[in-house]
Amino acid sequence: MKIYWIDNFIKDKMLVDEILQSFHGKVVLINRKFPLISNLSVFENIILPASYYSENKHLFFEDKVAEYLNRFEMLQKMHSRQNELTKFENFVVRFLQAYFSPFENIIAVNELYELHDDERVAIFQFLKAEKSDNVLFMEYNRYREIYEGIEYQNIEDYRNWLTRDLKT
């Protein structure tokens, strides 16, 4: 897992806009600008983006989605709607959308500060076991203390990370 520290809201908005324009189709962006589809279930929200990039493997996805939801103790939420989810559960669904996409690299912008400590730990443990090298969190400097004790790589220049490390 990598973190790039953001100074303020204006920089946050500019970074999201720049990523959308410059790196569209090369990375998956998790941001509150892209909410879940409210009339779809958790399962449908997770598989819909992935279905655009793969053949119809509905049963495969259902088993995998159930497995990953279970890891976050959310299996009972598989057929729930967005309005029935907590902030943590909403983030997990958006993260799993990105995780099941064909793109290897995930960028999450200012997503974890509202979560409780145990919820952030669950995310970090998951990332440590999974795609942690391909996940970049862009978080506000003022929330650095919530990451104390968490192992992560500090990224000084996200553009360099995108162009050199990701070869985008």
Protein backbone atom coordinates (compact mmCIF):
# COMPACT_ATOMS: atom_id res chain seq x y z
CA MET A 1 0.00 0.00 0.00
CA LYS A 2 1.18 3.48 -0.87
CA ILE A 3 0.05 6.89 0.36
CA TYR A 4 0.37 10.30 -1.28
CA TRP A 5 -0.42 13.11 1.16
CA ILE A 6 -2.76 15.89 -0.03
CA ASP A 7 -2.58 19.39 1.45
CA ASN A 8 -6.09 20.70 0.90
CA PHE A 9 -9.49 20.26 -0.75
CA ILE A 10 -8.59 22.27 -3.86
CA LYS A 11 -5.59 20.03 -4.52
CA ASP A 12 -7.82 16.99 -3.92
CA LYS A 13 -10.34 18.18 -6.54
CA MET A 14 -7.59 19.07 -9.03
CA LEU A 15 -5.93 15.66 -8.61
CA VAL A 16 -9.18 13.80 -9.20
CA ASP A 17 -9.91 15.86 -12.31
CA GLU A 18 -6.35 15.35 -13.61
CA ILE A 19 -6.46 11.59 -13.02
CA LEU A 20 -9.80 11.35 -14.82
CA GLN A 21 -8.48 13.27 -17.82
CA SER A 22 -4.93 11.94 -18.06
CA PHE A 23 -5.14 8.35 -16.90
CA HIS A 24 -8.67 7.33 -17.88
CA GLY A 25 -8.72 3.63 -18.72
CA LYS A 26 -5.35 2.94 -17.08
CA VAL A 27 -6.19 3.01 -13.38
CA VAL A 28 -9.33 2.56 -11.29
CA LEU A 29 -10.29 5.59 -9.23
CA ILE A 30 -12.25 5.20 -5.99
CA ASN A 31 -13.83 8.47 -4.98
CA ARG A 32 -17.11 9.68 -3.48
CA LYS A 33 -17.81 11.39 -6.82
CA PHE A 34 -18.65 7.92 -8.10
CA PRO A 35 -21.35 6.52 -5.81
CA LEU A 36 -22.92 3.10 -5.99
CA ILE A 37 -26.02 2.66 -8.13
CA SER A 38 -28.82 2.90 -5.58
CA ASN A 39 -31.28 0.50 -7.19
CA LEU A 40 -28.70 -2.30 -7.53
CA SER A 41 -27.67 -4.74 -4.82
CA VAL A 42 -24.15 -4.93 -3.41
CA PHE A 43 -23.44 -7.94 -5.63
CA GLU A 44 -24.78 -6.19 -8.75
CA ASN A 45 -22.77 -3.03 -8.00
CA ILE A 46 -19.59 -5.09 -7.71
CA ILE A 47 -20.00 -7.19 -10.85
CA LEU A 48 -21.48 -4.56 -13.17
CA PRO A 49 -18.18 -2.78 -13.96
CA ALA A 50 -16.31 -6.09 -14.24
CA SER A 51 -18.93 -7.50 -16.61
CA TYR A 52 -18.00 -4.88 -19.20
CA TYR A 53 -14.53 -6.39 -19.45
CA SER A 54 -15.17 -10.11 -19.29
CA GLU A 55 -17.33 -12.82 -20.73
CA ASN A 56 -20.44 -13.75 -18.80
CA LYS A 57 -18.93 -15.47 -15.77
CA HIS A 58 -21.75 -14.67 -13.37
CA LEU A 59 -21.35 -17.81 -11.25
CA PHE A 60 -17.60 -17.30 -10.91
CA PHE A 61 -18.15 -13.71 -9.81
CA GLU A 62 -20.87 -14.68 -7.35
CA ASP A 63 -18.57 -17.15 -5.58
CA LYS A 64 -15.63 -14.72 -5.54
CA VAL A 65 -17.76 -11.77 -4.40
CA ALA A 66 -19.24 -13.91 -1.61
CA GLU A 67 -15.73 -14.97 -0.56
CA TYR A 68 -14.47 -11.39 -0.38
CA LEU A 69 -17.58 -10.02 1.31
CA ASN A 70 -17.21 -12.76 3.91
CA ARG A 71 -13.64 -11.61 4.60
CA PHE A 72 -15.11 -8.23 5.59
CA GLU A 73 -17.98 -9.89 7.51
CA MET A 74 -20.44 -8.53 4.95
CA LEU A 75 -21.79 -11.70 3.35
CA GLN A 76 -25.27 -11.00 4.74
CA LYS A 77 -25.21 -7.67 2.85
CA MET A 78 -24.72 -9.25 -0.59
CA HIS A 79 -28.29 -8.44 -1.70
CA SER A 80 -28.64 -5.16 0.21
CA ARG A 81 -29.06 -1.77 -1.43
CA GLN A 82 -26.79 1.24 -1.01
CA ASN A 83 -29.06 2.94 1.53
CA GLU A 84 -28.68 -0.08 3.83
CA LEU A 85 -24.87 0.18 4.01
CA THR A 86 -22.58 1.90 6.49
CA LYS A 87 -19.77 4.15 5.23
CA PHE A 88 -17.33 1.26 5.72
CA GLU A 89 -19.53 -1.18 3.80
CA ASN A 90 -19.99 1.38 1.04
CA PHE A 91 -16.20 1.76 0.73
CA VAL A 92 -15.72 -2.02 0.67
CA VAL A 93 -18.20 -2.35 -2.20
CA ARG A 94 -16.49 0.43 -4.19
CA PHE A 95 -13.09 -1.13 -3.44
CA LEU A 96 -14.29 -4.55 -4.62
CA GLN A 97 -15.63 -2.95 -7.80
CA ALA A 98 -12.10 -1.73 -8.45
CA TYR A 99 -10.52 -4.97 -7.29
CA PHE A 100 -12.56 -7.06 -9.75
CA SER A 101 -11.88 -4.69 -12.63
CA PRO A 102 -9.26 -5.68 -15.22
CA PHE A 103 -7.06 -2.76 -14.21
CA GLU A 104 -4.15 -3.64 -11.96
CA ASN A 105 -3.82 -0.28 -10.22
CA ILE A 106 -6.25 1.34 -7.82
CA ILE A 107 -6.22 4.95 -6.58
CA ALA A 108 -8.46 5.88 -3.65
CA VAL A 109 -8.81 9.62 -3.01
CA ASN A 110 -9.59 10.78 0.53
CA GLU A 111 -11.62 7.72 1.42
CA LEU A 112 -10.61 6.35 4.82
CA TYR A 113 -10.65 9.28 7.22
CA GLU A 114 -14.32 8.81 8.18
CA LEU A 115 -13.92 5.14 9.04
CA HIS A 116 -13.37 3.81 12.56
CA ASP A 117 -9.93 2.50 13.51
CA ASP A 118 -11.01 -1.16 13.38
CA GLU A 119 -12.53 -0.62 9.93
CA ARG A 120 -9.31 0.94 8.60
CA VAL A 121 -7.35 -1.95 10.10
CA ALA A 122 -9.61 -4.43 8.26
CA ILE A 123 -8.91 -2.60 4.98
CA PHE A 124 -5.16 -2.52 5.66
CA GLN A 125 -5.07 -6.22 6.58
CA PHE A 126 -6.91 -7.05 3.38
CA LEU A 127 -4.48 -4.94 1.34
CA LYS A 128 -1.49 -6.53 3.02
CA ALA A 129 -2.75 -9.95 1.89
CA GLU A 130 -3.82 -8.85 -1.58
CA LYS A 131 -2.94 -6.14 -4.12
CA SER A 132 -1.26 -3.76 -1.74
CA ASP A 133 1.56 -2.84 -4.11
CA ASN A 134 -0.96 -1.63 -6.66
CA VAL A 135 -3.06 0.55 -4.36
CA LEU A 136 -2.39 4.24 -3.81
CA PHE A 137 -4.34 6.21 -1.21
CA MET A 138 -4.36 9.98 -1.56
CA GLU A 139 -5.17 11.28 1.91
CA TYR A 140 -5.15 14.66 3.65
CA ASN A 141 -2.05 15.54 5.68
CA ARG A 142 -4.21 16.29 8.72
CA TYR A 143 -5.14 12.59 8.98
CA ARG A 144 -1.57 11.25 9.16
CA GLU A 145 -2.02 10.18 12.78
CA ILE A 146 -4.63 7.57 11.84
CA TYR A 147 -1.96 5.76 9.84
CA GLU A 148 0.50 5.46 12.73
CA GLY A 149 1.55 1.86 13.15
CA ILE A 150 0.45 0.95 9.61
CA GLU A 151 3.12 -0.13 7.18
CA TYR A 152 2.94 1.87 3.95
CA GLN A 153 5.22 3.41 1.34
CA ASN A 154 5.18 7.21 1.22
CA ILE A 155 4.88 8.57 -2.31
CA GLU A 156 6.32 12.06 -2.75
CA ASP A 157 5.24 12.59 -6.37
CA TYR A 158 2.23 10.66 -7.62
CA ARG A 159 2.88 11.70 -11.25
CA ASN A 160 6.28 10.03 -11.08
CA TRP A 161 4.65 6.95 -9.53
CA LEU A 162 2.10 6.81 -12.33
CA THR A 163 4.52 7.39 -15.19
CA ARG A 164 7.58 5.48 -13.99
CA ASP A 165 6.31 2.77 -11.67
CA LEU A 166 3.09 2.07 -13.53
CA LYS A 167 4.48 2.86 -16.95
CA THR A 168 1.28 4.69 -17.89
